[in-house]
Amino acid sequence: MTPLFSEFQHQVSQTTNPADWPLAQQVDQNVLIYNGDTIRELPPAKRSSLMHEWAKVLASGPGVIAIRNAFADTAVIDTATRVFESIIEREKSSVAGGGADHFAKRGANDRIWNALQKHCLADPANYTAYYSNEILDAVSRAWLGDGYKTTAQVNRVNPGGAAQTAHRDYHLGFMSRQRMAEFPEHIHRLSPVLTLQGAVAHCDMPVETGPTLYLPYSQLFTSGYTHFNEPKYQDYFNQHHSQLPLEKGDAVFFNPAVMHAAGSNITSDMRRTANLLQISSAFGRAMEAIDHISMVKTIYPIICKNNSLSAQQITAVISATADGYAFPTNLDTDPPDNGMSPETQADLFTRALSQAWSTEQFYQAVDAQAAKRLA
């Protein structure tokens, strides 16, 4: 047994002590359970204490919280579900409709990318009722503070839909192991505090429908991003995960570094529908707006004509000029390319140079890529 795997086992073998989390209603399978009705009645000072507790749970505790009755009025959920089903059917019938899942086989589920915007435009009244939920706001602020940015992706797992592979999530979790290794160790510690993962249950989810599997405390294993795909970690997850049944209107939030996976829907007649929330820190954005398109178009012919630049120097100027990150994008029209993320503008620039594209060919490709990324 390697020292790293021993460290991993030590971290995830902890037991959640209810006494350490006084505002939780109960502990189930190492996951802390809170009650939405109780939360809504809390005075401001007590609400602040709860948010501090949630931040501690996500950072150094089990890393997962479940909130029963996060939505007091499930009629709001039912209306949203009808909106989502309409969007799913419309997109499935369109040429460009539907997108593959990052961690599940195509066809196992129906996915709505950018469900937040689509929901807002399709039914603004229901959208307003849905996202005026003060509990969603409180959890987001507890982990990310003010100015957070919400995105949502609806996932409907169909009968017979197989489980996802266990994974960590955005940012580093969406990269290949080689790409992850290019980031220094402190970024592996930083990545989890830039986003919050959540899910709202849009139907009752007994275990046989495959609600999400979690490995509490796994966010504490700093090296997890580069090792979670190894068989021994996957095997450990499969043997020791938690899986909570949910009811319509419940919500779950977790640190994105917690190993997790959607479970198998072994039913023959139940579609498991959840609105997956990915909420980002305001601090994940640059200070200035940059017109990368005009800049890369300007320097491409210069680099093509300059034979004195070394490969390292070319990489440096591309890094300074081109957009080197795949997100945010429109995953309907710009799906993952040979992995879990689309080609970046910097990747496109590098590919164009390696294939000796003409300036006109490069310009057309840059414009086409930019158009695909628009919502």
Protein backbone atom coordinates (compact mmCIF):
# COMPACT_ATOMS: atom_id res chain seq x y z
CA MET A 1 0.00 0.00 0.00
CA THR A 2 1.41 3.37 -1.01
CA PRO A 3 1.75 6.20 1.53
CA LEU A 4 -0.65 8.33 -0.54
CA PHE A 5 -3.35 5.67 -0.51
CA SER A 6 -2.87 5.19 3.23
CA GLU A 7 -3.31 8.94 3.68
CA PHE A 8 -6.47 8.81 1.58
CA GLN A 9 -7.90 5.95 3.64
CA HIS A 10 -7.09 7.77 6.86
CA GLN A 11 -8.90 10.91 5.69
CA VAL A 12 -12.07 9.22 4.47
CA SER A 13 -12.40 6.78 7.39
CA GLN A 14 -13.50 9.56 9.75
CA THR A 15 -16.87 9.37 11.46
CA THR A 16 -19.12 12.42 11.64
CA ASN A 17 -19.92 13.31 15.26
CA PRO A 18 -23.31 15.07 15.58
CA ALA A 19 -22.04 16.99 18.61
CA ASP A 20 -19.57 18.84 16.38
CA TRP A 21 -22.40 20.22 14.23
CA PRO A 22 -25.03 21.60 16.61
CA LEU A 23 -27.30 23.12 13.94
CA ALA A 24 -27.69 19.92 11.92
CA GLN A 25 -30.82 17.85 12.38
CA GLN A 26 -29.08 14.50 12.10
CA VAL A 27 -26.23 12.51 10.55
CA ASP A 28 -26.92 9.86 7.93
CA GLN A 29 -24.07 7.83 6.40
CA ASN A 30 -21.59 10.49 7.54
CA VAL A 31 -23.59 13.23 5.76
CA LEU A 32 -25.07 16.12 7.73
CA ILE A 33 -28.82 16.63 7.29
CA TYR A 34 -30.48 20.02 7.81
CA ASN A 35 -34.17 20.93 7.79
CA GLY A 36 -35.40 23.63 5.43
CA ASP A 37 -38.42 24.51 7.57
CA THR A 38 -36.16 25.13 10.57
CA ILE A 39 -33.74 27.20 8.50
CA ARG A 40 -36.48 29.48 7.20
CA GLU A 41 -37.50 30.33 10.77
CA LEU A 42 -34.02 31.25 11.98
CA PRO A 43 -33.40 34.86 13.09
CA PRO A 44 -30.55 36.68 11.27
CA ALA A 45 -27.93 36.03 13.99
CA LYS A 46 -28.68 32.30 14.03
CA ARG A 47 -28.71 32.21 10.23
CA SER A 48 -25.19 33.66 10.28
CA SER A 49 -24.06 30.93 12.70
CA LEU A 50 -25.55 28.31 10.40
CA MET A 51 -23.67 29.70 7.42
CA HIS A 52 -20.40 29.55 9.37
CA GLU A 53 -21.18 25.92 10.23
CA TRP A 54 -21.88 25.10 6.59
CA ALA A 55 -18.56 26.63 5.51
CA LYS A 56 -16.76 24.47 8.07
CA VAL A 57 -18.64 21.34 6.95
CA LEU A 58 -17.66 21.93 3.33
CA ALA A 59 -14.03 22.79 4.10
CA SER A 60 -12.91 20.48 6.90
CA GLY A 61 -15.95 18.37 7.76
CA PRO A 62 -17.61 15.64 5.72
CA GLY A 63 -17.86 18.03 2.76
CA VAL A 64 -21.52 17.25 2.03
CA ILE A 65 -24.76 18.70 3.40
CA ALA A 66 -28.32 17.71 2.60
CA ILE A 67 -31.26 20.03 3.21
CA ARG A 68 -34.68 18.45 3.53
CA ASN A 69 -37.54 20.61 2.23
CA ALA A 70 -35.18 23.19 0.77
CA PHE A 71 -38.20 24.25 -1.28
CA ALA A 72 -41.24 24.82 0.92
CA ASP A 73 -43.55 24.91 -2.11
CA THR A 74 -42.93 21.92 -4.37
CA ALA A 75 -45.44 23.31 -6.88
CA VAL A 76 -42.58 25.57 -7.97
CA ILE A 77 -40.50 22.43 -8.56
CA ASP A 78 -43.31 20.76 -10.54
CA THR A 79 -43.71 23.75 -12.85
CA ALA A 80 -39.96 23.95 -13.40
CA THR A 81 -39.89 20.23 -14.18
CA ARG A 82 -42.50 20.72 -16.90
CA VAL A 83 -40.40 23.56 -18.33
CA PHE A 84 -37.30 21.34 -18.30
CA GLU A 85 -39.14 18.43 -19.94
CA SER A 86 -40.33 20.71 -22.70
CA ILE A 87 -36.78 21.94 -23.29
CA ILE A 88 -35.44 18.37 -23.33
CA GLU A 89 -37.99 17.23 -25.90
CA ARG A 90 -37.39 20.27 -28.09
CA GLU A 91 -33.61 19.83 -27.99
CA LYS A 92 -33.79 16.09 -28.64
CA SER A 93 -35.78 16.76 -31.79
CA SER A 94 -33.40 19.44 -33.06
CA VAL A 95 -30.30 18.84 -35.14
CA ALA A 96 -27.95 20.27 -32.51
CA GLY A 97 -29.96 19.04 -29.56
CA GLY A 98 -28.58 17.39 -26.49
CA GLY A 99 -25.09 17.05 -25.22
CA ALA A 100 -23.00 14.24 -23.84
CA ASP A 101 -22.32 13.94 -20.15
CA HIS A 102 -18.76 14.42 -18.93
CA PHE A 103 -18.77 11.26 -16.82
CA ALA A 104 -21.52 9.02 -18.24
CA LYS A 105 -22.17 7.29 -21.54
CA ARG A 106 -24.26 9.09 -24.15
CA GLY A 107 -27.89 8.05 -23.92
CA ALA A 108 -27.83 7.19 -20.22
CA ASN A 109 -29.37 10.53 -19.45
CA ASP A 110 -30.89 13.68 -20.88
CA ARG A 111 -28.93 16.82 -20.14
CA ILE A 112 -29.87 20.50 -20.44
CA TRP A 113 -26.79 22.68 -20.65
CA ASN A 114 -27.24 26.28 -19.50
CA ALA A 115 -30.56 25.42 -17.88
CA LEU A 116 -30.39 28.67 -15.92
CA GLN A 117 -30.76 30.90 -18.99
CA LYS A 118 -33.15 28.57 -20.79
CA HIS A 119 -35.39 28.36 -17.71
CA CYS A 120 -35.39 32.15 -17.30
CA LEU A 121 -36.37 32.82 -20.91
CA ALA A 122 -38.94 30.02 -21.10
CA ASP A 123 -40.86 30.86 -17.91
CA PRO A 124 -39.59 34.01 -16.18
CA ALA A 125 -42.28 33.88 -13.49
CA ASN A 126 -41.40 30.34 -12.45
CA TYR A 127 -37.70 31.12 -12.73
CA THR A 128 -38.17 34.04 -10.34
CA ALA A 129 -40.08 31.88 -7.86
CA TYR A 130 -37.41 29.16 -8.12
CA TYR A 131 -34.28 31.24 -7.66
CA SER A 132 -35.74 33.53 -5.01
CA ASN A 133 -35.13 30.58 -2.67
CA GLU A 134 -33.28 32.04 0.31
CA ILE A 135 -31.71 28.71 1.26
CA LEU A 136 -29.94 28.38 -2.10
CA ASP A 137 -28.65 31.91 -1.63
CA ALA A 138 -27.51 31.27 1.96
CA VAL A 139 -25.52 28.14 1.09
CA SER A 140 -23.89 29.90 -1.87
CA ARG A 141 -22.89 32.86 0.27
CA ALA A 142 -21.66 30.58 3.07
CA TRP A 143 -19.06 29.03 0.77
CA LEU A 144 -18.37 31.72 -1.85
CA GLY A 145 -19.40 35.05 -0.34
CA ASP A 146 -20.95 37.93 -2.26
CA GLY A 147 -21.00 38.25 -6.04
CA TYR A 148 -21.21 34.53 -6.76
CA LYS A 149 -22.24 33.40 -10.26
CA THR A 150 -24.81 30.64 -10.73
CA THR A 151 -25.01 28.15 -13.58
CA ALA A 152 -27.34 25.14 -13.80
CA GLN A 153 -27.48 21.93 -15.79
CA VAL A 154 -30.55 19.71 -15.62
CA ASN A 155 -29.81 15.98 -15.61
CA ARG A 156 -32.57 13.42 -16.17
CA VAL A 157 -31.31 9.86 -15.71
CA ASN A 158 -33.53 7.43 -17.57
CA PRO A 159 -34.54 3.92 -16.46
CA GLY A 160 -31.56 1.64 -16.87
CA GLY A 161 -29.12 4.55 -16.90
CA ALA A 162 -25.74 3.38 -15.64
CA ALA A 163 -23.77 5.13 -12.92
CA GLN A 164 -21.12 7.72 -13.62
CA THR A 165 -17.52 7.02 -12.77
CA ALA A 166 -16.49 8.56 -9.45
CA HIS A 167 -14.87 11.94 -9.97
CA ARG A 168 -14.07 15.33 -8.59
CA ASP A 169 -15.56 18.35 -10.26
CA TYR A 170 -14.79 21.66 -11.92
CA HIS A 171 -12.17 23.13 -12.25
CA LEU A 172 -9.37 20.57 -12.00
CA GLY A 173 -11.76 17.64 -12.12
CA PHE A 174 -12.57 18.46 -15.74
CA MET A 175 -8.97 18.08 -16.86
CA SER A 176 -6.82 15.17 -17.92
CA ARG A 177 -4.30 13.94 -15.39
CA GLN A 178 -1.47 15.35 -17.50
CA ARG A 179 -3.14 18.76 -17.62
CA MET A 180 -3.79 18.73 -13.86
CA ALA A 181 -0.16 17.98 -13.18
CA GLU A 182 0.84 21.23 -14.89
CA PHE A 183 -0.75 23.20 -12.05
CA PRO A 184 1.26 23.76 -8.84
CA GLU A 185 0.22 22.10 -5.60
CA HIS A 186 -1.35 25.22 -4.10
CA ILE A 187 -3.78 25.41 -7.04
CA HIS A 188 -4.98 21.90 -6.16
CA ARG A 189 -5.85 23.32 -2.73
CA LEU A 190 -7.38 26.46 -4.21
CA SER A 191 -9.62 24.94 -6.88
CA PRO A 192 -12.30 23.58 -4.50
CA VAL A 193 -12.95 26.96 -2.88
CA LEU A 194 -13.72 28.58 -6.24
CA THR A 195 -16.93 26.62 -6.85
CA LEU A 196 -19.81 24.96 -5.03
CA GLN A 197 -21.73 21.95 -6.33
CA GLY A 198 -25.42 21.54 -5.62
CA ALA A 199 -28.45 19.61 -6.75
CA VAL A 200 -32.18 20.12 -6.29
CA ALA A 201 -34.33 16.99 -6.42
CA HIS A 202 -37.19 17.40 -8.92
CA CYS A 203 -38.77 14.09 -7.98
CA ASP A 204 -38.62 11.59 -5.17
CA MET A 205 -35.35 9.69 -5.47
CA PRO A 206 -35.31 6.32 -3.72
CA VAL A 207 -31.95 4.56 -3.82
CA GLU A 208 -32.99 2.36 -6.74
CA THR A 209 -33.27 5.46 -8.95
CA GLY A 210 -29.58 6.16 -8.35
CA PRO A 211 -29.25 9.41 -6.36
CA THR A 212 -25.70 10.73 -6.15
CA LEU A 213 -23.02 8.69 -4.40
CA TYR A 214 -20.56 10.59 -2.17
CA LEU A 215 -17.38 9.78 -0.31
CA PRO A 216 -17.46 12.13 2.71
CA TYR A 217 -14.15 13.70 3.76
CA SER A 218 -12.50 12.88 0.43
CA GLN A 219 -12.05 16.61 -0.26
CA LEU A 220 -9.36 16.58 2.45
CA PHE A 221 -7.09 14.43 0.28
CA THR A 222 -5.17 17.15 -1.58
CA SER A 223 -3.63 14.73 -4.09
CA GLY A 224 -7.03 13.39 -5.07
CA TYR A 225 -7.32 15.19 -8.38
CA THR A 226 -4.44 13.32 -9.94
CA HIS A 227 -5.29 9.96 -8.37
CA PHE A 228 -9.08 9.55 -8.27
CA ASN A 229 -9.13 7.69 -11.60
CA GLU A 230 -6.77 4.97 -10.37
CA PRO A 231 -8.49 1.59 -9.85
CA LYS A 232 -7.76 1.35 -6.11
CA TYR A 233 -9.39 4.72 -5.45
CA GLN A 234 -12.36 3.84 -7.64
CA ASP A 235 -12.70 0.47 -5.88
CA TYR A 236 -12.56 2.11 -2.46
CA PHE A 237 -15.25 4.58 -3.52
CA ASN A 238 -17.48 1.79 -4.81
CA GLN A 239 -17.20 -0.08 -1.51
CA HIS A 240 -17.51 2.83 0.95
CA HIS A 241 -19.63 5.58 -0.62
CA SER A 242 -22.73 7.12 0.93
CA GLN A 243 -26.01 7.33 -0.96
CA LEU A 244 -28.95 9.27 0.45
CA PRO A 245 -32.48 8.86 -0.85
CA LEU A 246 -34.04 12.27 -1.53
CA GLU A 247 -37.54 13.64 -1.81
CA LYS A 248 -38.83 16.25 -4.23
CA GLY A 249 -37.71 19.68 -3.02
CA ASP A 250 -34.66 18.43 -1.11
CA ALA A 251 -31.25 19.86 -1.98
CA VAL A 252 -27.68 18.65 -1.56
CA PHE A 253 -24.53 20.77 -1.64
CA PHE A 254 -20.94 19.60 -1.57
CA ASN A 255 -17.35 20.64 -1.93
CA PRO A 256 -16.37 19.98 -5.59
CA ALA A 257 -13.33 18.01 -4.40
CA VAL A 258 -15.57 15.38 -2.78
CA MET A 259 -15.45 12.20 -4.86
CA HIS A 260 -18.95 11.64 -6.17
CA ALA A 261 -20.92 10.03 -8.99
CA ALA A 262 -24.52 9.76 -10.11
CA GLY A 263 -25.80 6.29 -9.30
CA SER A 264 -27.43 3.68 -11.53
CA ASN A 265 -31.13 3.98 -12.17
CA ILE A 266 -32.14 0.32 -11.91
CA THR A 267 -35.86 1.01 -12.15
CA SER A 268 -37.89 0.26 -15.26
CA ASP A 269 -40.24 3.22 -15.09
CA MET A 270 -38.76 6.12 -13.07
CA ARG A 271 -36.85 9.07 -14.51
CA ARG A 272 -34.60 10.70 -11.93
CA THR A 273 -34.51 14.45 -12.56
CA ALA A 274 -32.26 16.91 -10.75
CA ASN A 275 -31.27 20.50 -11.35
CA LEU A 276 -27.50 20.53 -10.91
CA LEU A 277 -26.16 23.84 -9.64
CA GLN A 278 -22.58 24.89 -10.20
CA ILE A 279 -21.93 28.15 -8.43
CA SER A 280 -18.70 30.06 -8.90
CA SER A 281 -16.76 32.59 -6.86
CA ALA A 282 -16.65 36.16 -8.11
CA PHE A 283 -12.87 35.94 -7.70
CA GLY A 284 -12.52 33.60 -10.67
CA ARG A 285 -12.61 36.50 -13.12
CA ALA A 286 -9.96 38.86 -14.47
CA MET A 287 -9.91 42.56 -13.63
CA GLU A 288 -10.14 43.78 -17.24
CA ALA A 289 -12.14 42.74 -20.28
CA ILE A 290 -9.83 41.69 -23.13
CA ASP A 291 -10.68 41.37 -26.82
CA HIS A 292 -8.74 38.17 -27.40
CA ILE A 293 -10.14 37.68 -30.90
CA SER A 294 -8.72 40.88 -32.34
CA MET A 295 -5.41 40.29 -30.57
CA VAL A 296 -4.84 36.73 -31.82
CA LYS A 297 -5.79 37.79 -35.34
CA THR A 298 -3.26 40.60 -35.16
CA ILE A 299 -0.29 38.55 -33.99
CA TYR A 300 -0.87 35.34 -35.96
CA PRO A 301 0.69 36.62 -39.21
CA ILE A 302 3.51 38.21 -37.20
CA ILE A 303 4.43 34.90 -35.60
CA CYS A 304 4.12 33.05 -38.90
CA LYS A 305 6.70 35.38 -40.45
CA ASN A 306 9.07 35.46 -37.47
CA ASN A 307 11.52 32.60 -37.73
CA SER A 308 13.62 33.75 -34.78
CA LEU A 309 11.13 32.79 -32.04
CA SER A 310 11.76 29.55 -30.20
CA ALA A 311 8.92 27.14 -29.42
CA GLN A 312 9.04 28.27 -25.78
CA GLN A 313 8.82 31.91 -26.81
CA ILE A 314 5.85 31.19 -29.07
CA THR A 315 4.11 29.41 -26.19
CA ALA A 316 4.74 32.42 -23.98
CA VAL A 317 3.23 34.95 -26.38
CA ILE A 318 0.22 32.72 -27.07
CA SER A 319 -0.35 32.36 -23.31
CA ALA A 320 -0.29 36.14 -22.90
CA THR A 321 -2.61 36.80 -25.82
CA ALA A 322 -5.08 33.97 -26.39
CA ASP A 323 -7.83 32.73 -24.11
CA GLY A 324 -6.24 29.65 -22.60
CA TYR A 325 -9.28 28.26 -20.78
CA ALA A 326 -12.21 26.37 -22.26
CA PHE A 327 -14.86 27.83 -19.95
CA PRO A 328 -17.32 29.45 -19.80
CA THR A 329 -18.76 28.24 -23.06
CA ASN A 330 -21.97 27.00 -24.67
CA LEU A 331 -21.80 23.24 -24.20
CA ASP A 332 -24.70 22.69 -26.60
CA THR A 333 -22.69 24.02 -29.54
CA ASP A 334 -19.15 23.68 -28.16
CA PRO A 335 -19.10 20.20 -26.62
CA PRO A 336 -16.05 18.56 -25.02
CA ASP A 337 -13.35 17.66 -27.52
CA ASN A 338 -11.63 14.31 -26.88
CA GLY A 339 -12.10 14.65 -23.15
CA MET A 340 -13.98 16.77 -20.68
CA SER A 341 -13.48 20.26 -22.10
CA PRO A 342 -13.60 21.91 -25.54
CA GLU A 343 -10.58 23.20 -27.44
CA THR A 344 -9.34 26.54 -26.13
CA GLN A 345 -8.44 29.54 -28.27
CA ALA A 346 -4.80 28.99 -27.29
CA ASP A 347 -5.04 25.35 -28.40
CA LEU A 348 -6.52 26.47 -31.71
CA PHE A 349 -3.70 28.98 -32.19
CA THR A 350 -1.08 26.31 -31.52
CA ARG A 351 -2.78 23.85 -33.86
CA ALA A 352 -2.95 26.44 -36.63
CA LEU A 353 0.79 27.12 -36.38
CA SER A 354 1.66 23.42 -36.35
CA GLN A 355 -0.43 22.83 -39.47
CA ALA A 356 0.78 26.02 -41.21
CA TRP A 357 -2.66 27.49 -41.75
CA SER A 358 -3.03 30.59 -43.86
CA THR A 359 -4.04 33.81 -42.13
CA GLU A 360 -7.49 33.63 -43.73
CA GLN A 361 -7.96 30.04 -42.57
CA PHE A 362 -6.97 30.99 -39.01
CA TYR A 363 -9.31 33.99 -38.97
CA GLN A 364 -12.25 31.84 -40.09
CA ALA A 365 -11.50 29.21 -37.45
CA VAL A 366 -11.23 31.82 -34.67
CA ASP A 367 -14.56 33.36 -35.66
CA ALA A 368 -16.24 29.95 -35.88
CA GLN A 369 -14.94 28.99 -32.45
CA ALA A 370 -16.13 32.27 -30.95
CA ALA A 371 -19.60 31.80 -32.43
CA LYS A 372 -19.86 28.31 -30.91
CA ARG A 373 -19.12 29.69 -27.45
CA LEU A 374 -22.01 32.18 -27.43
CA ALA A 375 -25.11 31.34 -25.41
